[in-house]
Amino acid sequence: MAIRDALRGITAPTVTPFDDGAIDEAALTDLLTHLEDGGIDAVFPCGTTGEFPSLTADEQRRVVEATVDRVDVPVVAGAAATSVANTVAAIDRAAEAGADAAAIVAPYFTTANAPAGNRRFFEAVLDNAALPVLLYNIPQCTGRRIEPETVAAVADRDGVLGIKDSSGDLAYFLSVLRAAPDEFLCLQGYDALLVPALRMGADGGINALSNVVPEVLGEAFDRADEARGRELQSDAISPLFEACTSHGFAPATKTALTERGVVPSDEVRPPLVAVDDAGTEAIGDALEAALEVGGQ
């Protein structure tokens, strides 16, 4: 399946399983099998849920290679970095590892990433990118959103697939939908807004909970415009999302995956911390309810 077609569905931003501090490739294989069995359309390793800031460049390449080797669906590799050169290098590594596309964020840490600066950054990366590129808007991590005007300015450039918006701001998402050309993919990355965004014209979703309940997210996508879509969002996806949000999505997703028996450990790397007992119980209860609503 072509990457653009695959992204018009549900993409899983995969966790990176660890065992005593090292990448657990056996657990990664089990996760990817679970996702493909659950009908996922594409996978996205080395993103936020994949703890990319805690991975070395060599580890990121290894995770992408292992993912490409183990799945039959397209792979979008995270390639976030703060400079043009490092972002281009990350895209190069992803291409060498066999990925189909790369996702990039606005430069973070700097306080000078105004819209004009972000546009210059994206244009410079796109001029040198070895893969098709997906923009990734996550202002809670980068310090500033990618303005709709910036999206519109680069949306027609060669090699741009679309945008993943994890801001949680539906008004912003709708403004991007209005600003971007029809072929530019607008993907909802905030799980609690998946069905509302799909009903308003989103092309697909890239959602952390699709690691855990890919069947539920897939049915929500397929039936977003029906009463069943609203039921899945309100009674399955949103309660599980709310149980996870206060713990961070790498720790919470790993906890939910261990509760479902997909991976053996919820281990995360510093500075992240594992979910405490109370949080684990709440996530487990929400997961059980989501599976029941989803008919699993």
Protein backbone atom coordinates (compact mmCIF):
# COMPACT_ATOMS: atom_id res chain seq x y z
CA MET A 1 0.00 0.00 0.00
CA ALA A 2 1.35 3.46 -0.88
CA ILE A 3 2.18 5.68 2.06
CA ARG A 4 -0.33 8.37 1.14
CA ASP A 5 -3.14 5.82 0.93
CA ALA A 6 -2.09 4.15 4.18
CA LEU A 7 -2.17 7.44 6.06
CA ARG A 8 -5.84 7.75 5.11
CA GLY A 9 -6.56 5.33 7.93
CA ILE A 10 -5.15 4.68 11.40
CA THR A 11 -1.40 4.81 12.00
CA ALA A 12 0.12 3.54 15.23
CA PRO A 13 2.93 5.67 16.74
CA THR A 14 4.67 2.66 18.22
CA VAL A 15 6.29 2.41 21.64
CA THR A 16 9.90 1.28 21.94
CA PRO A 17 9.95 -1.72 24.31
CA PHE A 18 12.90 -2.00 26.70
CA ASP A 19 14.36 -4.85 28.72
CA ASP A 20 16.77 -3.78 31.45
CA GLY A 21 17.57 -0.59 29.56
CA ALA A 22 18.10 -2.20 26.15
CA ILE A 23 15.74 -2.27 23.19
CA ASP A 24 13.65 -5.45 23.35
CA GLU A 25 13.31 -6.55 19.72
CA ALA A 26 11.30 -9.64 20.62
CA ALA A 27 8.70 -7.46 22.36
CA LEU A 28 8.75 -5.08 19.40
CA THR A 29 7.99 -8.02 17.11
CA ASP A 30 5.07 -9.04 19.34
CA LEU A 31 3.75 -5.47 19.30
CA LEU A 32 3.96 -5.21 15.51
CA THR A 33 2.20 -8.56 15.10
CA HIS A 34 -0.56 -7.34 17.42
CA LEU A 35 -0.92 -4.16 15.35
CA GLU A 36 -1.09 -5.89 11.99
CA ASP A 37 -3.53 -8.47 13.37
CA GLY A 38 -5.59 -5.52 14.61
CA GLY A 39 -5.82 -4.06 11.12
CA ILE A 40 -3.52 -1.06 11.50
CA ASP A 41 -2.79 0.81 8.24
CA ALA A 42 0.72 2.12 8.96
CA VAL A 43 3.22 2.42 11.80
CA PHE A 44 5.25 5.36 13.10
CA PRO A 45 8.34 4.35 15.11
CA CYS A 46 10.60 6.81 16.93
CA GLY A 47 7.95 9.42 17.57
CA THR A 48 6.86 10.90 20.90
CA THR A 49 5.24 7.66 22.05
CA GLY A 50 8.39 5.87 20.89
CA GLU A 51 10.58 7.92 23.25
CA PHE A 52 12.78 9.23 20.44
CA PRO A 53 14.59 11.79 22.65
CA SER A 54 15.87 8.90 24.79
CA LEU A 55 17.24 6.93 21.83
CA THR A 56 20.64 7.38 20.22
CA ALA A 57 20.84 7.89 16.46
CA ASP A 58 22.02 4.29 16.07
CA GLU A 59 19.13 3.03 18.20
CA GLN A 60 16.64 4.99 16.13
CA ARG A 61 18.02 3.42 12.97
CA ARG A 62 17.86 -0.02 14.60
CA VAL A 63 14.23 0.45 15.65
CA VAL A 64 13.23 1.63 12.18
CA GLU A 65 15.10 -1.24 10.51
CA ALA A 66 13.52 -3.78 12.83
CA THR A 67 10.08 -2.30 12.18
CA VAL A 68 10.52 -2.30 8.40
CA ASP A 69 11.71 -5.92 8.54
CA ARG A 70 8.68 -7.07 10.55
CA VAL A 71 5.67 -5.33 8.97
CA ASP A 72 3.90 -5.36 5.63
CA VAL A 73 2.37 -1.90 6.13
CA PRO A 74 4.12 1.42 5.35
CA VAL A 75 6.49 2.93 7.91
CA VAL A 76 6.75 6.62 8.83
CA ALA A 77 9.94 7.18 10.83
CA GLY A 78 10.29 9.96 13.36
CA ALA A 79 13.07 12.37 12.36
CA ALA A 80 12.69 15.20 14.84
CA ALA A 81 15.70 17.42 15.48
CA THR A 82 16.47 21.06 16.20
CA SER A 83 18.66 21.91 13.20
CA VAL A 84 18.24 21.54 9.46
CA ALA A 85 21.39 19.42 9.18
CA ASN A 86 20.43 17.04 11.98
CA THR A 87 16.88 16.70 10.67
CA VAL A 88 18.11 15.93 7.17
CA ALA A 89 20.58 13.41 8.63
CA ALA A 90 17.76 11.74 10.58
CA ILE A 91 15.70 11.49 7.40
CA ASP A 92 18.70 10.00 5.60
CA ARG A 93 19.05 7.35 8.32
CA ALA A 94 15.35 6.56 8.06
CA ALA A 95 15.63 6.20 4.30
CA GLU A 96 18.65 3.89 4.64
CA ALA A 97 16.66 1.81 7.15
CA GLY A 98 13.86 1.35 4.61
CA ALA A 99 11.20 3.75 5.87
CA ASP A 100 8.57 5.06 3.45
CA ALA A 101 8.36 8.56 4.92
CA ALA A 102 9.64 10.70 7.79
CA ALA A 103 7.93 12.97 10.30
CA ILE A 104 9.52 16.25 11.39
CA VAL A 105 8.63 18.81 14.04
CA ALA A 106 9.21 22.53 14.32
CA PRO A 107 12.58 23.28 15.97
CA TYR A 108 12.25 23.09 19.73
CA PHE A 109 14.18 24.65 22.64
CA THR A 110 14.90 27.90 20.77
CA THR A 111 12.65 30.85 21.68
CA ALA A 112 13.00 32.43 18.26
CA ASN A 113 11.00 29.94 16.21
CA ALA A 114 8.57 32.51 14.82
CA PRO A 115 6.39 31.54 11.84
CA ALA A 116 8.91 32.95 9.36
CA GLY A 117 11.70 30.97 10.98
CA ASN A 118 9.69 27.77 11.00
CA ARG A 119 8.90 28.25 7.31
CA ARG A 120 12.60 28.70 6.51
CA PHE A 121 13.39 25.57 8.51
CA PHE A 122 10.79 23.41 6.78
CA GLU A 123 11.72 24.67 3.33
CA ALA A 124 15.42 23.96 3.94
CA VAL A 125 14.64 20.44 5.17
CA LEU A 126 12.28 19.72 2.27
CA ASP A 127 14.88 20.86 -0.24
CA ASN A 128 17.19 18.12 1.03
CA ALA A 129 14.86 15.36 2.26
CA ALA A 130 15.46 11.82 1.02
CA LEU A 131 11.90 10.77 1.88
CA PRO A 132 8.39 12.21 1.70
CA VAL A 133 7.80 14.30 4.80
CA LEU A 134 4.94 14.59 7.26
CA LEU A 135 4.83 17.74 9.40
CA TYR A 136 4.16 17.06 13.08
CA ASN A 137 2.49 19.77 15.15
CA ILE A 138 2.97 19.20 18.89
CA PRO A 139 3.28 22.65 20.48
CA GLN A 140 3.23 21.31 24.05
CA CYS A 141 6.67 19.84 23.27
CA THR A 142 8.12 22.36 20.80
CA GLY A 143 6.90 25.55 22.49
CA ARG A 144 5.01 26.89 19.49
CA ARG A 145 2.48 25.58 17.01
CA ILE A 146 3.04 25.40 13.27
CA GLU A 147 0.84 28.28 12.16
CA PRO A 148 -1.81 27.51 9.52
CA GLU A 149 -0.18 30.12 7.28
CA THR A 150 3.12 28.24 7.54
CA VAL A 151 1.38 24.98 6.67
CA ALA A 152 -0.25 26.61 3.66
CA ALA A 153 3.07 28.09 2.52
CA VAL A 154 4.81 24.70 2.33
CA ALA A 155 1.85 22.44 1.57
CA ASP A 156 2.34 22.57 -2.21
CA ARG A 157 6.07 21.79 -2.11
CA ASP A 158 7.32 18.51 -3.51
CA GLY A 159 7.69 15.80 -0.92
CA VAL A 160 5.16 17.07 1.62
CA LEU A 161 2.52 14.52 2.58
CA GLY A 162 0.53 16.41 5.21
CA ILE A 163 0.46 17.13 8.92
CA LYS A 164 -0.10 15.23 12.13
CA ASP A 165 -1.72 17.57 14.67
CA SER A 166 -1.36 16.53 18.30
CA SER A 167 -2.20 19.94 19.75
CA GLY A 168 -5.61 18.94 21.06
CA ASP A 169 -6.99 22.16 19.55
CA LEU A 170 -9.84 21.32 17.20
CA ALA A 171 -10.22 24.95 16.09
CA TYR A 172 -6.58 24.95 15.00
CA PHE A 173 -7.06 21.66 13.17
CA LEU A 174 -10.04 23.04 11.28
CA SER A 175 -8.05 26.14 10.33
CA VAL A 176 -5.36 23.90 8.84
CA LEU A 177 -8.02 21.95 6.94
CA ARG A 178 -9.24 25.22 5.44
CA ALA A 179 -5.75 26.50 4.64
CA ALA A 180 -4.27 23.38 3.04
CA PRO A 181 -4.93 22.06 -0.48
CA ASP A 182 -7.15 19.02 -0.88
CA GLU A 183 -4.30 16.56 -1.50
CA PHE A 184 -2.52 17.63 1.71
CA LEU A 185 -3.30 15.05 4.40
CA CYS A 186 -4.64 16.36 7.71
CA LEU A 187 -4.23 13.70 10.40
CA GLN A 188 -5.59 13.90 13.92
CA GLY A 189 -3.02 12.98 16.57
CA TYR A 190 -5.05 13.72 19.70
CA ASP A 191 -7.04 10.59 20.51
CA ALA A 192 -9.92 12.37 22.23
CA LEU A 193 -10.61 14.31 19.02
CA LEU A 194 -10.35 11.46 16.51
CA VAL A 195 -14.01 10.99 15.62
CA PRO A 196 -14.90 14.72 15.79
CA ALA A 197 -11.96 15.48 13.48
CA LEU A 198 -12.92 12.70 11.06
CA ARG A 199 -16.45 14.02 10.93
CA MET A 200 -15.06 17.46 10.05
CA GLY A 201 -12.88 16.17 7.23
CA ALA A 202 -9.70 14.70 8.73
CA ASP A 203 -8.05 12.16 6.46
CA GLY A 204 -6.92 9.80 9.21
CA GLY A 205 -5.42 9.47 12.67
CA ILE A 206 -2.04 8.81 14.25
CA ASN A 207 -3.01 7.86 17.77
CA ALA A 208 -1.10 6.39 20.70
CA LEU A 209 -4.03 4.25 21.78
CA SER A 210 -3.95 2.43 18.46
CA ASN A 211 -0.97 0.56 19.95
CA VAL A 212 -3.32 -0.87 22.56
CA VAL A 213 -6.73 -1.17 20.92
CA PRO A 214 -6.10 -1.00 17.15
CA GLU A 215 -9.40 -2.74 16.47
CA VAL A 216 -11.35 -0.04 18.31
CA LEU A 217 -9.55 2.83 16.60
CA GLY A 218 -9.98 1.14 13.23
CA GLU A 219 -13.71 0.69 13.70
CA ALA A 220 -14.03 4.28 14.90
CA PHE A 221 -12.34 5.41 11.69
CA ASP A 222 -14.56 3.22 9.51
CA ARG A 223 -17.77 4.27 11.25
CA ALA A 224 -16.96 7.82 12.33
CA ASP A 225 -20.05 9.29 10.65
CA GLU A 226 -22.42 6.85 12.33
CA ALA A 227 -23.79 6.56 15.85
CA ARG A 228 -21.33 3.70 16.38
CA GLY A 229 -18.43 6.06 15.78
CA ARG A 230 -19.74 8.45 18.42
CA GLU A 231 -20.21 5.55 20.84
CA LEU A 232 -16.67 4.29 20.36
CA GLN A 233 -15.25 7.77 20.87
CA SER A 234 -17.30 8.68 23.92
CA ASP A 235 -17.44 5.31 25.69
CA ALA A 236 -14.16 3.62 24.69
CA ILE A 237 -11.48 5.92 23.29
CA SER A 238 -11.98 9.08 25.34
CA PRO A 239 -12.22 7.40 28.80
CA LEU A 240 -9.05 5.38 28.09
CA PHE A 241 -7.34 8.52 26.80
CA GLU A 242 -8.32 10.42 29.94
CA ALA A 243 -6.95 7.63 32.14
CA CYS A 244 -3.63 7.90 30.30
CA THR A 245 -3.11 11.64 29.84
CA SER A 246 -1.68 12.53 33.24
CA HIS A 247 1.03 9.88 32.98
CA GLY A 248 2.55 10.74 29.61
CA PHE A 249 1.82 8.66 26.57
CA ALA A 250 4.91 6.48 26.41
CA PRO A 251 4.53 5.28 30.03
CA ALA A 252 0.74 5.06 29.86
CA THR A 253 0.69 3.25 26.52
CA LYS A 254 3.26 0.74 27.75
CA THR A 255 1.21 0.18 30.90
CA ALA A 256 -1.92 -0.46 28.83
CA LEU A 257 0.01 -2.81 26.55
CA THR A 258 1.25 -4.82 29.53
CA GLU A 259 -2.28 -4.89 30.95
CA ARG A 260 -3.46 -6.35 27.64
CA GLY A 261 -0.57 -8.81 27.59
CA VAL A 262 0.99 -7.56 24.36
CA VAL A 263 4.42 -6.64 25.76
CA PRO A 264 6.06 -7.98 28.94
CA SER A 265 7.29 -4.73 30.48
CA ASP A 266 6.23 -1.12 30.94
CA GLU A 267 9.86 -0.01 31.32
CA VAL A 268 10.69 3.52 30.16
CA ARG A 269 13.92 5.48 30.06
CA PRO A 270 14.67 8.59 32.13
CA PRO A 271 13.42 11.22 32.38
CA LEU A 272 10.14 9.32 32.02
CA VAL A 273 8.88 7.26 34.94
CA ALA A 274 6.62 4.22 34.98
CA VAL A 275 2.95 4.62 35.89
CA ASP A 276 2.25 4.12 39.59
CA ASP A 277 -0.07 1.46 41.00
CA ALA A 278 -3.11 3.71 41.16
CA GLY A 279 -2.59 4.83 37.59
CA THR A 280 -2.10 1.26 36.42
CA GLU A 281 -5.38 0.24 38.02
CA ALA A 282 -7.22 3.16 36.39
CA ILE A 283 -5.72 2.42 32.99
CA GLY A 284 -6.53 -1.28 33.37
CA ASP A 285 -10.16 -0.51 34.22
CA ALA A 286 -10.48 1.91 31.28
CA LEU A 287 -8.87 -0.63 28.95
CA GLU A 288 -11.29 -3.35 30.03
CA ALA A 289 -14.23 -1.01 29.40
CA ALA A 290 -12.85 0.05 26.00
CA LEU A 291 -12.48 -3.56 24.91
CA GLU A 292 -16.02 -4.34 26.08
CA VAL A 293 -17.47 -1.38 24.16
CA GLY A 294 -15.38 -2.39 21.17
CA GLY A 295 -16.72 -5.93 21.30
CA GLN A 296 -13.32 -7.50 21.94
